[in-house]
Amino acid sequence: MHILLIHQAFVALDEPGGTRHYELACYLAERGHQVTVIASRVSYLTGRTENIDSKIEQFKNGGRIEILRAYSYSALHRSFLHRLFSFFSFMFSSFFLGLKLKKLDLVWGTSPPIFQGITALSLARLKRVPFLFEVRDLWPAFAVQVGVLRQPILIRASQWLERTLYRSADQLVVNSPGFLSHVREHSGRNVELVPNGTDIEMFNPEVDGAGFRAAHNLQEKFVVLYAGAHGMSNDLGILLESAKLLSQRIDIHFVLLGDGKEKPNLVALSRELDLKNTLFLPPSPKSQMAQTLAGANACVAILKPVPLYSTVYPNKVFDYMAAGKPVIIAIDGVIRSAVEDAGAGIYVQPGDPLALAQAVESLADNPQQARYKGNNGREYVVKHFNRADLADKLNQVITRMVPE
């Protein structure tokens, strides 16, 4: 089967950012499918144009992945308007690149950004093949609640686009159970849950993190790691306020690894607060993240206290758990439930730096409890969130859409 994936933010293992779709594509290729990906050269995480070319990877059983790079406007993080320019430029360039492809069996669109869904739907209809639409973000609802999208006419147009894509999809897939009701209430039909998960082989508690700790002079520290986007939704200012509250604990150190629009502001805030216990690191390729997580003692997942964020299933949480690290979870809702069901961490109220600081102290002062929670998390994701098992479910969905 020849599957076309339209994904502006597609990331391979040697690039910084989330590699969920690369891992899923590899699994499908290992099952004999041909997966063509149309992606951007501009990193969705950093906003920089990367020196990466189109390439083909061959697999056993005749499967392969071909990654094609389409043009997109590079000033992704400059403003909301520039972000739209980036999205629309990729929407059009990926469409014309997709027109050249022959003998497709299925087109797979994914959101966000939702505009690439238009490309996927258009190509599916022109090629007369099924359209699979994957919902990874409840856009525009998230944008409205965060305050990024305010103009009523744009909100109505965005909601119309959302309903159109949901209604037009031959099959919908969501990556969080929290999305199911929203998608169904907004014209979605034939909705399957294929949740986020993790590569349990890559993130193994047996990985040695001594190299990471030594490289950053953290050998004797209790390391609290945040890894991921530094955007307005991630509420990392709260994490810095917690670091300030713990500034007298010379044994505790905070590490913020990643990039995003808000990172310069966060670095400036760290200087303003005179934080000596905080380290900012650039994003790492996924292939290096196992060693990074191994060097941490606890990991943080945090989002702004926005009601709709209770629906999300962040990938980073499952990676933290797979690495055997206790999770401080400052996100309410379905991901909190998963962490608490696993006994894998401590929930703190979003937006509360004191509660977050107290959770960090609790784990730092009780290393045995921290290890116990980390082990619980590892056991839980092996059983429930192994990406190989989840990829098998996706393969079953696709196979039903395109029977032999």
Protein backbone atom coordinates (compact mmCIF):
# COMPACT_ATOMS: atom_id res chain seq x y z
CA MET A 1 0.00 0.00 0.00
CA HIS A 2 1.24 3.51 -0.85
CA ILE A 3 0.42 6.02 1.91
CA LEU A 4 0.96 9.76 1.54
CA LEU A 5 1.42 11.73 4.78
CA ILE A 6 1.19 15.54 4.67
CA HIS A 7 2.99 16.84 7.75
CA GLN A 8 4.71 20.23 7.90
CA ALA A 9 6.35 19.47 11.28
CA PHE A 10 7.56 15.93 10.48
CA VAL A 11 10.76 15.13 12.40
CA ALA A 12 13.22 12.25 11.99
CA LEU A 13 15.36 10.80 14.79
CA ASP A 14 18.35 12.98 13.92
CA GLU A 15 16.31 16.20 14.24
CA PRO A 16 14.99 18.03 17.33
CA GLY A 17 11.29 17.69 18.05
CA GLY A 18 8.65 15.01 18.33
CA THR A 19 9.31 11.92 16.21
CA ARG A 20 5.97 10.14 16.69
CA HIS A 21 5.13 10.16 12.98
CA TYR A 22 8.58 9.01 11.93
CA GLU A 23 8.30 6.07 14.31
CA LEU A 24 4.80 5.23 13.04
CA ALA A 25 6.00 5.51 9.43
CA CYS A 26 8.88 3.13 10.18
CA TYR A 27 6.46 0.63 11.67
CA LEU A 28 4.21 0.82 8.60
CA ALA A 29 7.22 0.46 6.28
CA GLU A 30 8.35 -2.60 8.24
CA ARG A 31 4.92 -4.09 7.44
CA GLY A 32 5.62 -3.66 3.72
CA HIS A 33 3.92 -0.32 3.09
CA GLN A 34 5.41 2.51 1.07
CA VAL A 35 5.10 5.76 3.03
CA THR A 36 5.72 9.08 1.28
CA VAL A 37 5.97 12.09 3.59
CA ILE A 38 5.76 15.69 2.42
CA ALA A 39 7.37 17.86 5.09
CA SER A 40 8.95 21.28 5.57
CA ARG A 41 12.63 22.17 5.85
CA VAL A 42 11.74 24.73 8.54
CA SER A 43 11.88 23.29 12.05
CA TYR A 44 8.51 23.67 13.76
CA LEU A 45 10.33 23.75 17.10
CA THR A 46 13.07 26.28 16.40
CA GLY A 47 11.70 28.19 13.41
CA ARG A 48 15.02 27.78 11.61
CA THR A 49 15.51 26.42 8.10
CA GLU A 50 17.44 23.18 8.43
CA ASN A 51 19.93 21.85 5.89
CA ILE A 52 18.02 18.65 5.22
CA ASP A 53 17.18 17.09 1.88
CA SER A 54 14.64 14.63 0.58
CA LYS A 55 15.64 11.03 1.22
CA ILE A 56 14.50 7.43 0.92
CA GLU A 57 14.85 4.74 3.59
CA GLN A 58 14.45 1.08 2.62
CA PHE A 59 13.03 -1.61 4.90
CA LYS A 60 12.62 -5.34 4.80
CA ASN A 61 9.51 -6.82 3.16
CA GLY A 62 9.71 -4.20 0.39
CA GLY A 63 8.63 -1.28 2.57
CA ARG A 64 10.14 2.17 2.36
CA ILE A 65 9.84 5.75 3.56
CA GLU A 66 10.40 8.63 1.15
CA ILE A 67 10.61 12.11 2.72
CA LEU A 68 10.02 15.01 0.32
CA ARG A 69 10.69 18.58 1.43
CA ALA A 70 8.31 21.33 0.36
CA TYR A 71 8.79 25.08 0.66
CA SER A 72 7.41 26.95 3.67
CA TYR A 73 7.88 30.54 4.80
CA SER A 74 10.58 30.55 7.46
CA ALA A 75 9.56 33.31 9.93
CA LEU A 76 7.39 30.86 11.83
CA HIS A 77 7.80 32.33 15.32
CA ARG A 78 7.84 36.05 14.49
CA SER A 79 4.10 36.64 15.03
CA PHE A 80 0.69 35.05 14.55
CA LEU A 81 0.45 36.59 11.06
CA HIS A 82 3.86 35.24 10.06
CA ARG A 83 2.81 31.86 11.43
CA LEU A 84 -0.20 31.91 9.11
CA PHE A 85 2.09 32.78 6.17
CA SER A 86 4.15 29.71 7.01
CA PHE A 87 1.09 27.47 7.21
CA PHE A 88 -0.42 28.72 3.95
CA SER A 89 2.87 28.55 2.05
CA PHE A 90 3.29 24.90 3.02
CA MET A 91 -0.36 24.16 2.26
CA PHE A 92 0.09 25.25 -1.37
CA SER A 93 3.62 23.95 -1.96
CA SER A 94 2.81 20.52 -0.51
CA PHE A 95 -0.32 20.32 -2.68
CA PHE A 96 1.62 20.86 -5.92
CA LEU A 97 4.31 18.42 -4.82
CA GLY A 98 1.65 15.84 -3.95
CA LEU A 99 0.04 16.20 -7.39
CA LYS A 100 3.16 14.67 -8.94
CA LEU A 101 2.86 11.43 -6.98
CA LYS A 102 1.47 8.35 -8.70
CA LYS A 103 -0.48 5.31 -7.55
CA LEU A 104 -1.52 6.41 -4.07
CA ASP A 105 -3.78 4.20 -1.96
CA LEU A 106 -4.48 6.56 0.96
CA VAL A 107 -3.80 10.17 1.98
CA TRP A 108 -3.11 10.84 5.65
CA GLY A 109 -3.58 14.37 6.94
CA THR A 110 -2.73 15.53 10.43
CA SER A 111 -3.49 18.63 12.48
CA PRO A 112 -1.99 20.93 13.70
CA PRO A 113 -1.52 22.96 11.64
CA ILE A 114 -5.05 22.37 10.41
CA PHE A 115 -4.44 24.02 7.03
CA GLN A 116 -2.38 21.06 5.80
CA GLY A 117 -5.60 19.11 6.22
CA ILE A 118 -6.95 21.04 3.22
CA THR A 119 -4.02 19.77 1.17
CA ALA A 120 -4.56 16.19 2.29
CA LEU A 121 -8.32 16.30 1.62
CA SER A 122 -7.83 17.90 -1.81
CA LEU A 123 -5.23 15.35 -2.88
CA ALA A 124 -7.34 12.45 -1.61
CA ARG A 125 -10.31 13.61 -3.65
CA LEU A 126 -8.26 14.29 -6.79
CA LYS A 127 -6.48 10.94 -6.51
CA ARG A 128 -9.79 9.22 -5.60
CA VAL A 129 -8.39 7.49 -2.55
CA PRO A 130 -9.52 7.40 1.12
CA PHE A 131 -8.74 10.35 3.39
CA LEU A 132 -7.48 9.65 6.93
CA PHE A 133 -7.49 12.73 9.17
CA GLU A 134 -5.59 12.67 12.46
CA VAL A 135 -6.48 15.18 15.19
CA ARG A 136 -3.57 15.96 17.53
CA ASP A 137 -4.84 19.34 18.73
CA LEU A 138 -8.34 20.79 19.12
CA TRP A 139 -7.72 23.76 16.86
CA PRO A 140 -9.25 26.35 16.74
CA ALA A 141 -10.72 25.74 20.23
CA PHE A 142 -7.27 25.80 21.87
CA ALA A 143 -6.33 29.02 20.06
CA VAL A 144 -9.54 30.70 21.19
CA GLN A 145 -9.12 29.71 24.85
CA VAL A 146 -5.47 30.78 24.93
CA GLY A 147 -6.39 34.11 23.33
CA VAL A 148 -4.36 33.74 20.13
CA LEU A 149 -7.48 33.77 17.96
CA ARG A 150 -9.82 36.63 18.85
CA GLN A 151 -11.50 37.99 15.71
CA PRO A 152 -15.06 36.59 15.44
CA ILE A 153 -14.93 36.23 11.65
CA LEU A 154 -11.67 34.24 11.83
CA ILE A 155 -13.07 32.08 14.61
CA ARG A 156 -16.18 31.25 12.59
CA ALA A 157 -14.14 30.52 9.46
CA SER A 158 -11.79 28.27 11.44
CA GLN A 159 -14.68 26.38 13.02
CA TRP A 160 -16.21 25.88 9.58
CA LEU A 161 -12.89 24.48 8.31
CA GLU A 162 -12.64 22.17 11.32
CA ARG A 163 -16.15 20.78 10.79
CA THR A 164 -15.55 20.39 7.06
CA LEU A 165 -12.41 18.33 7.56
CA TYR A 166 -14.01 16.18 10.26
CA ARG A 167 -17.09 15.59 8.13
CA SER A 168 -15.09 14.87 4.95
CA ALA A 169 -12.68 12.36 6.46
CA ASP A 170 -13.31 8.72 5.63
CA GLN A 171 -11.68 7.91 8.96
CA LEU A 172 -10.73 10.12 11.91
CA VAL A 173 -8.00 9.27 14.42
CA VAL A 174 -7.37 11.12 17.69
CA ASN A 175 -4.31 10.77 19.92
CA SER A 176 -6.05 11.45 23.25
CA PRO A 177 -9.25 10.10 24.79
CA GLY A 178 -10.00 13.69 25.79
CA PHE A 179 -10.55 14.61 22.13
CA LEU A 180 -13.25 12.04 21.36
CA SER A 181 -16.31 13.97 22.52
CA HIS A 182 -15.19 17.25 20.92
CA VAL A 183 -14.55 15.65 17.53
CA ARG A 184 -17.87 13.81 17.54
CA GLU A 185 -19.73 16.96 18.58
CA HIS A 186 -18.15 18.86 15.67
CA SER A 187 -19.33 16.62 12.83
CA GLY A 188 -16.75 13.87 13.27
CA ARG A 189 -17.70 10.29 12.40
CA ASN A 190 -15.78 7.01 12.35
CA VAL A 191 -13.44 8.17 15.12
CA GLU A 192 -10.70 5.86 16.44
CA LEU A 193 -8.38 6.45 19.39
CA VAL A 194 -4.71 5.73 18.68
CA PRO A 195 -3.12 7.46 21.68
CA ASN A 196 0.30 8.96 22.03
CA GLY A 197 2.85 6.58 23.47
CA THR A 198 6.56 5.93 23.60
CA ASP A 199 9.37 3.77 22.27
CA ILE A 200 10.00 1.56 25.28
CA GLU A 201 13.24 0.25 23.77
CA MET A 202 14.72 3.71 23.25
CA PHE A 203 13.78 5.08 26.68
CA ASN A 204 15.06 2.39 28.98
CA PRO A 205 15.88 2.97 32.68
CA GLU A 206 19.11 1.05 32.15
CA VAL A 207 20.52 3.81 29.90
CA ASP A 208 23.48 5.56 31.56
CA GLY A 209 22.96 9.28 32.12
CA ALA A 210 26.37 9.96 33.69
CA GLY A 211 27.69 11.53 30.50
CA PHE A 212 24.88 14.08 30.36
CA ARG A 213 25.34 15.00 34.03
CA ALA A 214 29.11 15.32 33.70
CA ALA A 215 28.85 17.43 30.54
CA HIS A 216 26.79 20.02 32.42
CA ASN A 217 28.44 19.76 35.86
CA LEU A 218 25.37 18.22 37.45
CA GLN A 219 26.97 15.16 39.04
CA GLU A 220 25.85 15.83 42.62
CA LYS A 221 22.56 17.56 41.80
CA PHE A 222 18.94 16.47 41.94
CA VAL A 223 18.11 17.29 38.32
CA VAL A 224 14.60 18.43 37.43
CA LEU A 225 14.18 18.30 33.65
CA TYR A 226 11.68 19.92 31.33
CA ALA A 227 12.11 18.84 27.70
CA GLY A 228 10.07 20.26 24.85
CA ALA A 229 8.62 23.40 23.32
CA HIS A 230 9.16 26.78 24.96
CA GLY A 231 5.92 28.39 23.80
CA MET A 232 3.25 30.55 25.35
CA SER A 233 1.13 27.51 26.25
CA ASN A 234 3.92 25.78 28.16
CA ASP A 235 3.83 28.15 31.14
CA LEU A 236 7.54 27.81 31.82
CA GLY A 237 7.59 31.10 33.70
CA ILE A 238 5.90 29.15 36.52
CA LEU A 239 8.77 26.66 36.46
CA LEU A 240 11.25 29.50 36.81
CA GLU A 241 9.29 30.93 39.74
CA SER A 242 9.53 27.51 41.39
CA ALA A 243 13.28 27.52 40.80
CA LYS A 244 13.44 30.90 42.53
CA LEU A 245 11.55 29.52 45.54
CA LEU A 246 14.13 26.72 45.75
CA SER A 247 17.17 28.91 45.15
CA GLN A 248 18.56 28.07 48.63
CA ARG A 249 18.54 24.34 47.83
CA ILE A 250 21.97 24.06 46.23
CA ASP A 251 21.38 20.34 45.68
CA ILE A 252 18.46 20.95 43.26
CA HIS A 253 18.98 22.11 39.68
CA PHE A 254 16.42 22.82 36.94
CA VAL A 255 17.19 22.05 33.29
CA LEU A 256 15.00 23.41 30.47
CA LEU A 257 15.83 21.71 27.20
CA GLY A 258 14.24 22.79 23.95
CA ASP A 259 13.33 25.86 21.94
CA GLY A 260 10.40 28.00 20.93
CA LYS A 261 9.08 31.52 20.56
CA GLU A 262 9.18 32.24 24.32
CA LYS A 263 12.70 31.00 25.00
CA PRO A 264 14.44 34.43 24.76
CA ASN A 265 11.88 35.85 27.20
CA LEU A 266 12.41 32.94 29.58
CA VAL A 267 16.19 33.34 29.49
CA ALA A 268 15.73 37.05 30.24
CA LEU A 269 13.38 36.23 33.14
CA SER A 270 15.91 33.77 34.53
CA ARG A 271 18.55 36.52 34.55
CA GLU A 272 16.10 38.96 36.14
CA LEU A 273 15.38 36.45 38.91
CA ASP A 274 19.13 35.81 39.27
CA LEU A 275 18.64 32.06 39.03
CA LYS A 276 21.84 30.13 39.66
CA ASN A 277 20.01 26.80 39.76
CA THR A 278 18.64 26.87 36.21
CA LEU A 279 20.23 25.72 32.97
CA PHE A 280 18.85 26.30 29.46
CA LEU A 281 19.92 23.82 26.81
CA PRO A 282 19.23 23.73 23.06
CA PRO A 283 16.92 21.05 21.66
CA SER A 284 18.42 17.62 21.11
CA PRO A 285 17.71 15.11 18.36
CA LYS A 286 15.47 12.32 19.55
CA SER A 287 18.37 9.91 19.14
CA GLN A 288 20.13 11.68 22.06
CA MET A 289 17.12 12.08 24.35
CA ALA A 290 17.50 8.70 26.06
CA GLN A 291 20.82 9.80 27.59
CA THR A 292 19.33 13.19 28.52
CA LEU A 293 16.37 11.68 30.35
CA ALA A 294 18.66 9.16 32.00
CA GLY A 295 20.57 12.08 33.51
CA ALA A 296 17.47 13.50 35.21
CA ASN A 297 16.05 12.61 38.63
CA ALA A 298 12.55 13.93 37.95
CA CYS A 299 10.74 15.40 34.94
CA VAL A 300 8.11 18.11 34.54
CA ALA A 301 5.13 18.41 32.21
CA ILE A 302 3.38 21.76 32.44
CA LEU A 303 0.76 23.77 30.55
CA LYS A 304 -1.17 26.94 31.26
CA PRO A 305 -4.35 26.49 33.35
CA VAL A 306 -6.62 26.49 30.29
CA PRO A 307 -9.71 24.24 30.61
CA LEU A 308 -9.29 22.55 27.23
CA TYR A 309 -5.73 21.49 28.05
CA SER A 310 -7.33 18.88 30.30
CA THR A 311 -7.95 16.92 27.08
CA VAL A 312 -4.31 16.47 26.02
CA TYR A 313 -1.98 13.45 26.12
CA PRO A 314 1.53 14.96 25.78
CA ASN A 315 4.09 12.61 24.27
CA LYS A 316 6.79 13.83 26.64
CA VAL A 317 4.99 12.37 29.64
CA PHE A 318 5.13 8.87 28.20
CA ASP A 319 8.81 9.30 27.32
CA TYR A 320 9.51 10.42 30.91
CA MET A 321 7.69 7.37 32.26
CA ALA A 322 9.42 4.97 29.87
CA ALA A 323 12.77 6.29 31.12
CA GLY A 324 11.72 5.42 34.66
CA LYS A 325 11.54 9.01 35.89
CA PRO A 326 8.92 10.33 38.33
CA VAL A 327 6.69 12.93 36.70
CA ILE A 328 5.61 16.24 38.21
CA ILE A 329 2.44 16.88 36.24
CA ALA A 330 1.07 20.42 36.18
CA ILE A 331 -1.70 19.53 33.72
CA ASP A 332 -5.16 18.48 34.88
CA GLY A 333 -7.41 16.02 33.05
CA VAL A 334 -6.75 12.82 31.15
CA ILE A 335 -2.93 12.92 31.40
CA ARG A 336 -3.17 13.52 35.15
CA SER A 337 -5.39 10.44 35.36
CA ALA A 338 -2.85 8.34 33.47
CA VAL A 339 0.02 9.44 35.75
CA GLU A 340 -2.04 8.89 38.91
CA ASP A 341 -3.35 5.51 37.72
CA ALA A 342 0.26 4.46 37.20
CA GLY A 343 1.40 5.84 40.56
CA ALA A 344 4.12 7.51 38.54
CA GLY A 345 4.33 11.04 39.90
CA ILE A 346 2.86 14.03 41.67
CA TYR A 347 0.06 16.23 40.39
CA VAL A 348 0.24 19.96 41.12
CA GLN A 349 -2.32 22.62 40.30
CA PRO A 350 -1.42 24.35 37.00
CA GLY A 351 -0.23 27.91 37.54
CA ASP A 352 0.95 27.32 41.12
CA PRO A 353 4.75 27.73 41.49
CA LEU A 354 4.71 27.01 45.22
CA ALA A 355 2.96 23.66 44.76
CA LEU A 356 5.41 22.76 42.02
CA ALA A 357 8.38 23.69 44.24
CA GLN A 358 6.97 21.58 47.07
CA ALA A 359 6.59 18.59 44.73
CA VAL A 360 10.22 18.95 43.64
CA GLU A 361 11.38 19.12 47.26
CA SER A 362 9.30 16.08 48.16
CA LEU A 363 11.00 13.97 45.50
CA ALA A 364 14.47 15.37 46.21
CA ASP A 365 14.10 14.57 49.91
CA ASN A 366 12.72 11.08 49.28
CA PRO A 367 14.88 9.48 46.58
CA GLN A 368 13.47 6.03 47.31
CA GLN A 369 9.94 7.31 46.70
CA ALA A 370 11.12 9.01 43.50
CA ARG A 371 12.60 5.75 42.21
CA TYR A 372 9.46 3.85 43.17
CA LYS A 373 7.26 6.24 41.20
CA GLY A 374 9.64 6.08 38.26
CA ASN A 375 9.52 2.27 38.22
CA ASN A 376 5.72 2.39 38.39
CA GLY A 377 5.63 4.67 35.34
CA ARG A 378 7.92 2.37 33.37
CA GLU A 379 5.75 -0.68 34.07
CA TYR A 380 2.60 1.24 33.15
CA VAL A 381 3.73 2.48 29.73
CA VAL A 382 5.18 -0.91 28.81
CA LYS A 383 1.71 -2.35 29.37
CA HIS A 384 -0.48 0.46 27.99
CA PHE A 385 1.52 2.90 25.83
CA ASN A 386 4.09 0.90 23.89
CA ARG A 387 4.32 2.67 20.52
CA ALA A 388 4.78 -0.63 18.67
CA ASP A 389 1.39 -1.82 19.94
CA LEU A 390 -0.23 1.52 19.11
CA ALA A 391 1.30 1.51 15.63
CA ASP A 392 -0.21 -1.93 15.10
CA LYS A 393 -3.63 -0.45 15.87
CA LEU A 394 -3.02 2.33 13.33
CA ASN A 395 -2.02 -0.27 10.76
CA GLN A 396 -5.30 -2.09 11.39
CA VAL A 397 -7.25 1.14 10.86
CA ILE A 398 -5.46 1.83 7.57
CA THR A 399 -5.88 -1.75 6.38
CA ARG A 400 -9.64 -1.53 6.97
CA MET A 401 -9.76 1.67 4.92
CA VAL A 402 -7.91 0.12 1.98
CA PRO A 403 -8.71 -3.58 1.85
CA GLU A 404 -6.48 -5.79 -0.26
